[in-house]
N, C-alpha and C. Protein backbone atom coordinates (compact mmCIF):
# COMPACT_ATOMS: atom_id res chain seq x y z
N UNK A 1 -107.57 76.18 -51.49
CA UNK A 1 -108.87 75.72 -51.92
C UNK A 1 -109.61 75.10 -50.75
N UNK A 2 -110.92 75.23 -50.78
CA UNK A 2 -111.78 74.65 -49.74
C UNK A 2 -112.76 73.70 -50.40
N UNK A 3 -112.98 72.59 -49.77
CA UNK A 3 -113.97 71.62 -50.25
C UNK A 3 -114.92 71.25 -49.12
N UNK A 4 -116.20 71.08 -49.48
CA UNK A 4 -117.22 70.62 -48.55
C UNK A 4 -117.69 69.24 -49.00
N UNK A 5 -117.66 68.29 -48.10
CA UNK A 5 -118.06 66.93 -48.42
C UNK A 5 -119.25 66.52 -47.57
N UNK A 6 -120.36 66.21 -48.23
CA UNK A 6 -121.59 65.81 -47.53
C UNK A 6 -121.72 64.30 -47.52
N UNK A 7 -122.43 63.81 -46.51
CA UNK A 7 -122.70 62.38 -46.42
C UNK A 7 -123.97 62.17 -45.59
N UNK A 8 -124.52 60.96 -45.68
CA UNK A 8 -125.65 60.61 -44.83
C UNK A 8 -126.99 60.53 -45.53
N UNK A 9 -127.06 60.91 -46.78
CA UNK A 9 -128.34 60.83 -47.49
C UNK A 9 -128.71 59.39 -47.79
N UNK A 10 -129.94 59.21 -48.29
CA UNK A 10 -130.39 57.87 -48.64
C UNK A 10 -131.90 57.78 -48.71
N UNK A 11 -132.37 56.54 -48.72
CA UNK A 11 -133.80 56.25 -48.78
C UNK A 11 -134.30 55.89 -47.38
N UNK A 12 -135.39 56.50 -46.97
CA UNK A 12 -135.95 56.24 -45.65
C UNK A 12 -137.47 56.25 -45.76
N UNK A 13 -138.12 55.49 -44.91
CA UNK A 13 -139.58 55.44 -44.90
C UNK A 13 -140.15 56.66 -44.17
N UNK A 14 -141.37 57.04 -44.51
CA UNK A 14 -142.02 58.15 -43.77
C UNK A 14 -142.03 57.86 -42.28
N UNK A 15 -141.73 58.90 -41.50
CA UNK A 15 -141.62 58.76 -40.06
C UNK A 15 -140.23 58.41 -39.58
N UNK A 16 -139.35 58.08 -40.49
CA UNK A 16 -137.99 57.69 -40.13
C UNK A 16 -137.08 58.88 -39.90
N UNK A 17 -135.80 58.56 -39.68
CA UNK A 17 -134.80 59.58 -39.38
C UNK A 17 -133.55 59.38 -40.23
N UNK A 18 -132.86 60.48 -40.47
CA UNK A 18 -131.55 60.47 -41.12
C UNK A 18 -130.71 61.57 -40.50
N UNK A 19 -129.39 61.38 -40.56
CA UNK A 19 -128.47 62.40 -40.09
C UNK A 19 -127.50 62.72 -41.21
N UNK A 20 -127.50 63.97 -41.64
CA UNK A 20 -126.58 64.43 -42.67
C UNK A 20 -125.36 65.08 -42.01
N UNK A 21 -124.22 64.91 -42.68
CA UNK A 21 -122.99 65.55 -42.23
C UNK A 21 -122.37 66.30 -43.39
N UNK A 22 -121.66 67.36 -43.07
CA UNK A 22 -120.93 68.13 -44.07
C UNK A 22 -119.64 68.63 -43.45
N UNK A 23 -118.51 68.17 -43.98
CA UNK A 23 -117.20 68.51 -43.44
C UNK A 23 -116.44 69.38 -44.42
N UNK A 24 -115.87 70.45 -43.91
CA UNK A 24 -115.05 71.35 -44.73
C UNK A 24 -113.58 71.00 -44.54
N UNK A 25 -112.84 71.08 -45.65
CA UNK A 25 -111.40 70.82 -45.59
C UNK A 25 -110.67 71.79 -46.50
N UNK A 26 -109.37 71.94 -46.25
CA UNK A 26 -108.57 72.84 -47.09
C UNK A 26 -108.08 74.03 -46.28
N UNK A 27 -107.94 75.15 -46.97
CA UNK A 27 -107.40 76.36 -46.36
C UNK A 27 -108.52 77.12 -45.64
N UNK A 28 -108.58 76.92 -44.34
CA UNK A 28 -109.64 77.51 -43.53
C UNK A 28 -109.04 78.22 -42.33
N UNK A 29 -109.39 79.50 -42.18
CA UNK A 29 -108.96 80.22 -40.99
C UNK A 29 -110.10 80.30 -39.98
N UNK A 30 -111.29 80.54 -40.52
CA UNK A 30 -112.46 80.68 -39.64
C UNK A 30 -113.72 80.37 -40.43
N UNK A 31 -114.71 79.85 -39.72
CA UNK A 31 -116.02 79.58 -40.34
C UNK A 31 -117.08 80.35 -39.57
N UNK A 32 -117.88 81.10 -40.29
CA UNK A 32 -118.96 81.87 -39.67
C UNK A 32 -120.21 81.00 -39.67
N UNK A 33 -121.17 81.32 -40.50
CA UNK A 33 -122.42 80.56 -40.50
C UNK A 33 -122.28 79.26 -41.29
N UNK A 34 -123.06 78.28 -40.86
CA UNK A 34 -123.17 76.99 -41.56
C UNK A 34 -124.66 76.78 -41.84
N UNK A 35 -124.98 76.33 -43.03
CA UNK A 35 -126.37 76.26 -43.46
C UNK A 35 -126.66 74.95 -44.20
N UNK A 36 -127.91 74.56 -44.13
CA UNK A 36 -128.41 73.48 -44.97
C UNK A 36 -129.53 74.04 -45.84
N UNK A 37 -129.47 73.73 -47.13
CA UNK A 37 -130.51 74.06 -48.09
C UNK A 37 -131.00 72.75 -48.71
N UNK A 38 -132.14 72.83 -49.38
CA UNK A 38 -132.61 71.68 -50.13
C UNK A 38 -133.32 72.15 -51.39
N UNK A 39 -133.33 71.26 -52.37
CA UNK A 39 -134.01 71.56 -53.63
C UNK A 39 -134.72 70.31 -54.12
N UNK A 40 -136.04 70.41 -54.20
CA UNK A 40 -136.85 69.32 -54.71
C UNK A 40 -137.03 69.51 -56.21
N UNK A 41 -137.33 68.44 -56.94
CA UNK A 41 -137.52 68.56 -58.39
C UNK A 41 -138.58 69.60 -58.74
N UNK A 42 -138.24 70.50 -59.65
CA UNK A 42 -139.18 71.50 -60.10
C UNK A 42 -139.40 72.66 -59.15
N UNK A 43 -138.64 72.68 -58.05
CA UNK A 43 -138.82 73.75 -57.05
C UNK A 43 -137.51 74.52 -56.86
N UNK A 44 -137.65 75.72 -56.30
CA UNK A 44 -136.47 76.52 -56.01
C UNK A 44 -135.75 75.98 -54.77
N UNK A 45 -134.46 76.26 -54.71
CA UNK A 45 -133.69 75.87 -53.53
C UNK A 45 -134.18 76.69 -52.33
N UNK A 46 -134.37 76.02 -51.20
CA UNK A 46 -134.87 76.70 -50.00
C UNK A 46 -133.94 76.47 -48.82
N UNK A 47 -133.91 77.44 -47.94
CA UNK A 47 -133.10 77.34 -46.73
C UNK A 47 -133.83 76.45 -45.72
N UNK A 48 -133.10 75.46 -45.22
CA UNK A 48 -133.67 74.53 -44.24
C UNK A 48 -133.31 74.94 -42.82
N UNK A 49 -132.01 75.20 -42.60
CA UNK A 49 -131.55 75.52 -41.25
C UNK A 49 -130.23 76.26 -41.30
N UNK A 50 -130.01 77.09 -40.27
CA UNK A 50 -128.79 77.86 -40.15
C UNK A 50 -128.28 77.78 -38.72
N UNK A 51 -126.95 77.73 -38.58
CA UNK A 51 -126.34 77.85 -37.27
C UNK A 51 -125.18 78.83 -37.38
N UNK A 52 -125.18 79.83 -36.50
CA UNK A 52 -124.14 80.85 -36.54
C UNK A 52 -122.92 80.40 -35.73
N UNK A 53 -121.89 81.23 -35.75
CA UNK A 53 -120.65 80.89 -35.04
C UNK A 53 -120.86 80.83 -33.53
N UNK A 54 -121.86 81.54 -33.01
CA UNK A 54 -122.11 81.49 -31.56
C UNK A 54 -123.18 80.45 -31.19
N UNK A 55 -123.59 79.65 -32.18
CA UNK A 55 -124.51 78.56 -31.91
C UNK A 55 -125.98 78.88 -32.04
N UNK A 56 -126.30 80.09 -32.47
CA UNK A 56 -127.70 80.44 -32.69
C UNK A 56 -128.25 79.70 -33.91
N UNK A 57 -129.44 79.13 -33.75
CA UNK A 57 -130.03 78.35 -34.83
C UNK A 57 -131.33 78.96 -35.33
N UNK A 58 -131.62 78.73 -36.59
CA UNK A 58 -132.88 79.12 -37.20
C UNK A 58 -133.31 78.05 -38.17
N UNK A 59 -134.63 77.87 -38.29
CA UNK A 59 -135.16 76.80 -39.13
C UNK A 59 -136.27 77.32 -40.05
N UNK A 60 -136.38 76.66 -41.21
CA UNK A 60 -137.52 76.94 -42.06
C UNK A 60 -138.80 76.44 -41.40
N UNK A 61 -139.91 77.07 -41.70
CA UNK A 61 -141.17 76.73 -41.04
C UNK A 61 -141.55 75.26 -41.24
N UNK A 62 -141.23 74.72 -42.40
CA UNK A 62 -141.66 73.36 -42.72
C UNK A 62 -140.91 72.28 -41.94
N UNK A 63 -139.80 72.64 -41.31
CA UNK A 63 -139.00 71.63 -40.60
C UNK A 63 -138.89 71.88 -39.10
N UNK A 64 -139.45 73.00 -38.64
CA UNK A 64 -139.36 73.32 -37.21
C UNK A 64 -139.96 72.20 -36.36
N UNK A 65 -139.22 71.83 -35.32
CA UNK A 65 -139.68 70.77 -34.43
C UNK A 65 -139.33 69.37 -34.89
N UNK A 66 -138.85 69.25 -36.12
CA UNK A 66 -138.49 67.92 -36.65
C UNK A 66 -137.00 67.80 -36.96
N UNK A 67 -136.39 68.89 -37.42
CA UNK A 67 -134.98 68.89 -37.79
C UNK A 67 -134.18 69.65 -36.73
N UNK A 68 -132.91 69.26 -36.60
CA UNK A 68 -132.01 69.93 -35.67
C UNK A 68 -130.63 70.08 -36.30
N UNK A 69 -130.13 71.31 -36.30
CA UNK A 69 -128.79 71.58 -36.86
C UNK A 69 -127.80 71.75 -35.72
N UNK A 70 -126.59 71.24 -35.91
CA UNK A 70 -125.53 71.38 -34.92
C UNK A 70 -124.20 71.47 -35.64
N UNK A 71 -123.16 71.87 -34.90
CA UNK A 71 -121.84 72.00 -35.52
C UNK A 71 -120.76 71.56 -34.55
N UNK A 72 -119.67 71.07 -35.14
CA UNK A 72 -118.47 70.71 -34.39
C UNK A 72 -117.34 71.56 -34.96
N UNK A 73 -116.99 72.62 -34.27
CA UNK A 73 -116.00 73.55 -34.80
C UNK A 73 -114.61 72.91 -34.90
N UNK A 74 -114.30 72.00 -34.04
CA UNK A 74 -113.00 71.34 -34.08
C UNK A 74 -112.84 70.49 -35.34
N UNK A 75 -113.97 70.02 -35.86
CA UNK A 75 -113.94 69.18 -37.05
C UNK A 75 -114.41 69.93 -38.31
N UNK A 76 -114.73 71.22 -38.17
CA UNK A 76 -115.24 72.01 -39.31
C UNK A 76 -116.42 71.30 -39.96
N UNK A 77 -117.32 70.81 -39.13
CA UNK A 77 -118.42 69.97 -39.61
C UNK A 77 -119.76 70.48 -39.09
N UNK A 78 -120.76 70.39 -39.97
CA UNK A 78 -122.13 70.72 -39.60
C UNK A 78 -122.99 69.48 -39.81
N UNK A 79 -123.97 69.31 -38.93
CA UNK A 79 -124.86 68.15 -38.99
C UNK A 79 -126.31 68.61 -39.14
N UNK A 80 -127.12 67.75 -39.72
CA UNK A 80 -128.55 67.98 -39.76
C UNK A 80 -129.24 66.68 -39.36
N UNK A 81 -129.83 66.68 -38.17
CA UNK A 81 -130.60 65.54 -37.71
C UNK A 81 -132.04 65.73 -38.16
N UNK A 82 -132.52 64.79 -38.94
CA UNK A 82 -133.87 64.89 -39.51
C UNK A 82 -134.73 63.76 -38.95
N UNK A 83 -135.76 64.13 -38.22
CA UNK A 83 -136.68 63.17 -37.62
C UNK A 83 -138.09 63.35 -38.20
N UNK A 84 -138.92 62.35 -38.00
CA UNK A 84 -140.31 62.39 -38.46
C UNK A 84 -140.38 62.82 -39.92
N UNK A 85 -139.58 62.18 -40.74
CA UNK A 85 -139.47 62.58 -42.15
C UNK A 85 -140.77 62.33 -42.89
N UNK A 86 -141.05 63.23 -43.82
CA UNK A 86 -142.25 63.17 -44.65
C UNK A 86 -141.84 63.07 -46.12
N UNK A 87 -142.78 62.65 -46.94
CA UNK A 87 -142.48 62.53 -48.37
C UNK A 87 -142.07 63.89 -48.96
N UNK A 88 -142.63 64.95 -48.43
CA UNK A 88 -142.30 66.28 -48.95
C UNK A 88 -140.90 66.75 -48.55
N UNK A 89 -140.21 65.99 -47.72
CA UNK A 89 -138.82 66.30 -47.40
C UNK A 89 -137.86 65.74 -48.46
N UNK A 90 -138.38 64.99 -49.40
CA UNK A 90 -137.56 64.45 -50.48
C UNK A 90 -136.95 65.57 -51.30
N UNK A 91 -135.62 65.56 -51.41
CA UNK A 91 -134.91 66.63 -52.11
C UNK A 91 -133.42 66.31 -52.11
N UNK A 92 -132.68 67.10 -52.86
CA UNK A 92 -131.22 67.10 -52.73
C UNK A 92 -130.88 68.15 -51.68
N UNK A 93 -130.09 67.74 -50.69
CA UNK A 93 -129.72 68.62 -49.59
C UNK A 93 -128.28 69.10 -49.78
N UNK A 94 -128.10 70.40 -49.64
CA UNK A 94 -126.80 71.03 -49.83
C UNK A 94 -126.37 71.75 -48.55
N UNK A 95 -125.10 71.67 -48.23
CA UNK A 95 -124.59 72.50 -47.14
C UNK A 95 -123.87 73.71 -47.74
N UNK A 96 -123.87 74.77 -46.99
CA UNK A 96 -123.16 75.99 -47.37
C UNK A 96 -122.49 76.55 -46.13
N UNK A 97 -121.23 76.97 -46.29
CA UNK A 97 -120.50 77.56 -45.18
C UNK A 97 -119.86 78.87 -45.60
N UNK A 98 -119.87 79.83 -44.70
CA UNK A 98 -119.18 81.10 -44.93
C UNK A 98 -117.81 80.98 -44.27
N UNK A 99 -116.78 80.92 -45.13
CA UNK A 99 -115.44 80.57 -44.66
C UNK A 99 -114.45 81.68 -44.96
N UNK A 100 -113.56 81.92 -43.99
CA UNK A 100 -112.53 82.96 -44.17
C UNK A 100 -111.15 82.31 -44.29
N UNK A 101 -110.46 82.69 -45.36
CA UNK A 101 -109.02 82.43 -45.43
C UNK A 101 -108.33 83.75 -45.74
N UNK A 102 -108.31 84.15 -46.96
CA UNK A 102 -107.82 85.49 -47.29
C UNK A 102 -108.97 86.49 -47.32
N UNK A 103 -110.17 85.97 -47.48
CA UNK A 103 -111.39 86.78 -47.50
C UNK A 103 -112.56 85.86 -47.18
N UNK A 104 -113.70 86.46 -46.85
CA UNK A 104 -114.90 85.67 -46.60
C UNK A 104 -115.48 85.23 -47.93
N UNK A 105 -115.93 83.96 -47.97
CA UNK A 105 -116.51 83.42 -49.21
C UNK A 105 -117.48 82.31 -48.85
N UNK A 106 -118.57 82.21 -49.63
CA UNK A 106 -119.53 81.13 -49.42
C UNK A 106 -119.15 79.91 -50.25
N UNK A 107 -119.03 78.79 -49.58
CA UNK A 107 -118.73 77.53 -50.26
C UNK A 107 -119.92 76.58 -50.15
N UNK A 108 -120.15 75.81 -51.23
CA UNK A 108 -121.26 74.87 -51.28
C UNK A 108 -120.74 73.43 -51.39
N UNK A 109 -121.50 72.52 -50.79
CA UNK A 109 -121.24 71.11 -51.01
C UNK A 109 -121.87 70.66 -52.32
N UNK A 110 -121.61 69.40 -52.68
CA UNK A 110 -122.07 68.88 -53.97
C UNK A 110 -123.51 68.38 -53.90
N UNK A 111 -124.04 68.24 -52.70
CA UNK A 111 -125.42 67.79 -52.54
C UNK A 111 -125.52 66.30 -52.24
N UNK A 112 -126.51 65.95 -51.44
CA UNK A 112 -126.78 64.54 -51.13
C UNK A 112 -128.29 64.30 -51.22
N UNK A 113 -128.66 63.21 -51.86
CA UNK A 113 -130.08 62.93 -52.11
C UNK A 113 -130.72 62.32 -50.87
N UNK A 114 -131.86 62.87 -50.50
CA UNK A 114 -132.70 62.29 -49.45
C UNK A 114 -134.05 61.95 -50.07
N UNK A 115 -134.43 60.69 -49.99
CA UNK A 115 -135.70 60.24 -50.53
C UNK A 115 -136.52 59.61 -49.42
N UNK A 116 -137.73 60.14 -49.22
CA UNK A 116 -138.63 59.63 -48.19
C UNK A 116 -139.80 58.95 -48.90
N UNK A 117 -139.84 57.63 -48.80
CA UNK A 117 -140.85 56.88 -49.54
C UNK A 117 -141.05 55.51 -48.89
N UNK A 118 -142.28 55.03 -48.99
CA UNK A 118 -142.57 53.69 -48.47
C UNK A 118 -142.43 52.64 -49.57
């Protein structure tokens, strides 16, 4: 079994910063892509950022220049550094990893709430 554990969410004022972490544990042979998604109330889940196994990154248009995704392969962990936060960044943030043990499978974290408000 594989589990993803997220941390780092919370309440922050507009213009502030937060750093999210997501660590995978369990039966893991290899991890391909690592992703962050978010879902705001009443909206569909959207892709925020992706980092591939070779370190290539991609970002959603709404977060480009403000968010940064990184990974630590030794720790099976992905990070999301969020700067210049806006109220519209308020959402539940989920990590997703494509992990191989006996086969490739997408695993999701349980989600962490990020609230941007004064």
